[in-house]
Amino acid sequence: CGPCRLSNPVVKDVMKQFMDDINVVEVCTDDLPDVASDAGVMSIPTIQIYFKGQLLDTIVGCVARNVLASSVDKILEDYVSPP
């Protein structure tokens, strides 16, 4: 979809920024509707951030690079390297 195509470069950019700390999985809702449904995806694009199987953040719609990067950074700070 158009919004997904707009979000894709943002996700790839953030993925490069955090490449040593995160894994990114893309799910096409057309190809895997059951996976999307099980994850509670109601609109696309949807970005979900998990840590140890727990959903920690969900961003729906096109997202600015700094917003996504801030979300990932906060989760890494809070869950991966707490003070």
C-alpha atoms as a PDB file:
ATOM      1  CA  CYS A   1       0.000   0.000   0.000  1.00  0.00           C
ATOM      2  CA  GLY A   2       1.072   3.619  -0.409  1.00  0.00           C
ATOM      3  CA  PRO A   3       1.555   4.355   3.304  1.00  0.00           C
ATOM      4  CA  CYS A   4       3.598   1.164   3.679  1.00  0.00           C
ATOM      5  CA  ARG A   5       5.853   2.262   0.823  1.00  0.00           C
ATOM      6  CA  LEU A   6       6.325   5.609   2.577  1.00  0.00           C
ATOM      7  CA  SER A   7       7.147   3.963   5.910  1.00  0.00           C
ATOM      8  CA  ASN A   8       9.511   1.358   4.512  1.00  0.00           C
ATOM      9  CA  PRO A   9      12.515   3.714   4.054  1.00  0.00           C
ATOM     10  CA  VAL A  10      11.988   5.074   7.576  1.00  0.00           C
ATOM     11  CA  VAL A  11      12.001   1.578   9.068  1.00  0.00           C
ATOM     12  CA  LYS A  12      15.085   0.619   7.050  1.00  0.00           C
ATOM     13  CA  ASP A  13      16.892   3.769   8.173  1.00  0.00           C
ATOM     14  CA  VAL A  14      16.125   3.129  11.841  1.00  0.00           C
ATOM     15  CA  MET A  15      17.028  -0.533  11.369  1.00  0.00           C
ATOM     16  CA  LYS A  16      20.482   0.533  10.137  1.00  0.00           C
ATOM     17  CA  GLN A  17      20.885   2.897  13.092  1.00  0.00           C
ATOM     18  CA  PHE A  18      20.163   0.109  15.597  1.00  0.00           C
ATOM     19  CA  MET A  19      21.392  -2.864  13.553  1.00  0.00           C
ATOM     20  CA  ASP A  20      23.469  -4.300  16.386  1.00  0.00           C
ATOM     21  CA  ASP A  21      20.573  -4.115  18.857  1.00  0.00           C
ATOM     22  CA  ILE A  22      17.333  -5.015  17.064  1.00  0.00           C
ATOM     23  CA  ASN A  23      15.813  -7.462  14.614  1.00  0.00           C
ATOM     24  CA  VAL A  24      13.174  -6.314  12.166  1.00  0.00           C
ATOM     25  CA  VAL A  25      10.510  -8.602  10.753  1.00  0.00           C
ATOM     26  CA  GLU A  26       8.155  -7.462   8.016  1.00  0.00           C
ATOM     27  CA  VAL A  27       4.808  -9.190   7.688  1.00  0.00           C
ATOM     28  CA  CYS A  28       2.689  -8.696   4.584  1.00  0.00           C
ATOM     29  CA  THR A  29      -0.913  -8.763   5.774  1.00  0.00           C
ATOM     30  CA  ASP A  30      -2.052  -9.981   2.359  1.00  0.00           C
ATOM     31  CA  ASP A  31       0.269 -12.992   2.531  1.00  0.00           C
ATOM     32  CA  LEU A  32      -0.066 -13.715   6.263  1.00  0.00           C
ATOM     33  CA  PRO A  33      -3.464 -12.455   7.440  1.00  0.00           C
ATOM     34  CA  ASP A  34      -3.521 -14.866  10.406  1.00  0.00           C
ATOM     35  CA  VAL A  35      -0.234 -13.512  11.756  1.00  0.00           C
ATOM     36  CA  ALA A  36      -1.493  -9.941  11.441  1.00  0.00           C
ATOM     37  CA  SER A  37      -4.777 -10.864  13.102  1.00  0.00           C
ATOM     38  CA  ASP A  38      -3.042 -12.677  15.964  1.00  0.00           C
ATOM     39  CA  ALA A  39      -0.893  -9.564  16.515  1.00  0.00           C
ATOM     40  CA  GLY A  40      -3.982  -7.352  16.613  1.00  0.00           C
ATOM     41  CA  VAL A  41      -3.105  -5.420  13.481  1.00  0.00           C
ATOM     42  CA  MET A  42      -6.191  -3.491  12.406  1.00  0.00           C
ATOM     43  CA  SER A  43      -4.631  -0.888  10.090  1.00  0.00           C
ATOM     44  CA  ILE A  44      -1.553  -0.720   7.938  1.00  0.00           C
ATOM     45  CA  PRO A  45       1.161   0.185   8.252  1.00  0.00           C
ATOM     46  CA  THR A  46       1.525  -0.938  11.850  1.00  0.00           C
ATOM     47  CA  ILE A  47       4.876  -1.136  13.602  1.00  0.00           C
ATOM     48  CA  GLN A  48       5.008  -3.226  16.743  1.00  0.00           C
ATOM     49  CA  ILE A  49       8.036  -3.352  19.003  1.00  0.00           C
ATOM     50  CA  TYR A  50       8.555  -6.447  21.136  1.00  0.00           C
ATOM     51  CA  PHE A  51      11.083  -7.406  23.775  1.00  0.00           C
ATOM     52  CA  LYS A  52      11.274 -11.028  24.930  1.00  0.00           C
ATOM     53  CA  GLY A  53       7.877 -11.690  23.373  1.00  0.00           C
ATOM     54  CA  GLN A  54       6.149  -8.784  25.110  1.00  0.00           C
ATOM     55  CA  LEU A  55       4.569  -6.051  22.994  1.00  0.00           C
ATOM     56  CA  LEU A  56       5.970  -2.756  24.252  1.00  0.00           C
ATOM     57  CA  ASP A  57       4.909  -0.220  21.646  1.00  0.00           C
ATOM     58  CA  THR A  58       2.639   0.037  18.626  1.00  0.00           C
ATOM     59  CA  ILE A  59       2.803   2.763  16.014  1.00  0.00           C
ATOM     60  CA  VAL A  60      -0.003   2.896  13.458  1.00  0.00           C
ATOM     61  CA  GLY A  61       0.294   4.844  10.223  1.00  0.00           C
ATOM     62  CA  CYS A  62       3.234   6.585   8.617  1.00  0.00           C
ATOM     63  CA  VAL A  63       5.849   7.512  11.165  1.00  0.00           C
ATOM     64  CA  ALA A  64       8.639  10.052  11.179  1.00  0.00           C
ATOM     65  CA  ARG A  65      12.141   8.652  11.504  1.00  0.00           C
ATOM     66  CA  ASN A  66      12.816  10.509  14.762  1.00  0.00           C
ATOM     67  CA  VAL A  67       9.594   9.186  16.344  1.00  0.00           C
ATOM     68  CA  LEU A  68      10.423   5.565  15.531  1.00  0.00           C
ATOM     69  CA  ALA A  69      14.071   5.978  16.537  1.00  0.00           C
ATOM     70  CA  SER A  70      13.021   7.538  19.864  1.00  0.00           C
ATOM     71  CA  SER A  71      10.663   4.662  20.572  1.00  0.00           C
ATOM     72  CA  VAL A  72      13.340   2.056  19.837  1.00  0.00           C
ATOM     73  CA  ASP A  73      15.938   3.980  21.837  1.00  0.00           C
ATOM     74  CA  LYS A  74      13.644   4.288  24.873  1.00  0.00           C
ATOM     75  CA  ILE A  75      12.851   0.585  24.828  1.00  0.00           C
ATOM     76  CA  LEU A  76      16.538  -0.295  24.560  1.00  0.00           C
ATOM     77  CA  GLU A  77      17.316   2.001  27.481  1.00  0.00           C
ATOM     78  CA  ASP A  78      14.436   0.740  29.638  1.00  0.00           C
ATOM     79  CA  TYR A  79      14.667  -2.991  28.936  1.00  0.00           C
ATOM     80  CA  VAL A  80      18.048  -3.887  27.513  1.00  0.00           C
ATOM     81  CA  SER A  81      20.433  -1.675  29.473  1.00  0.00           C
ATOM     82  CA  PRO A  82      18.571  -0.379  32.526  1.00  0.00           C
ATOM     83  CA  PRO A  83      20.547   1.875  34.903  1.00  0.00           C
END
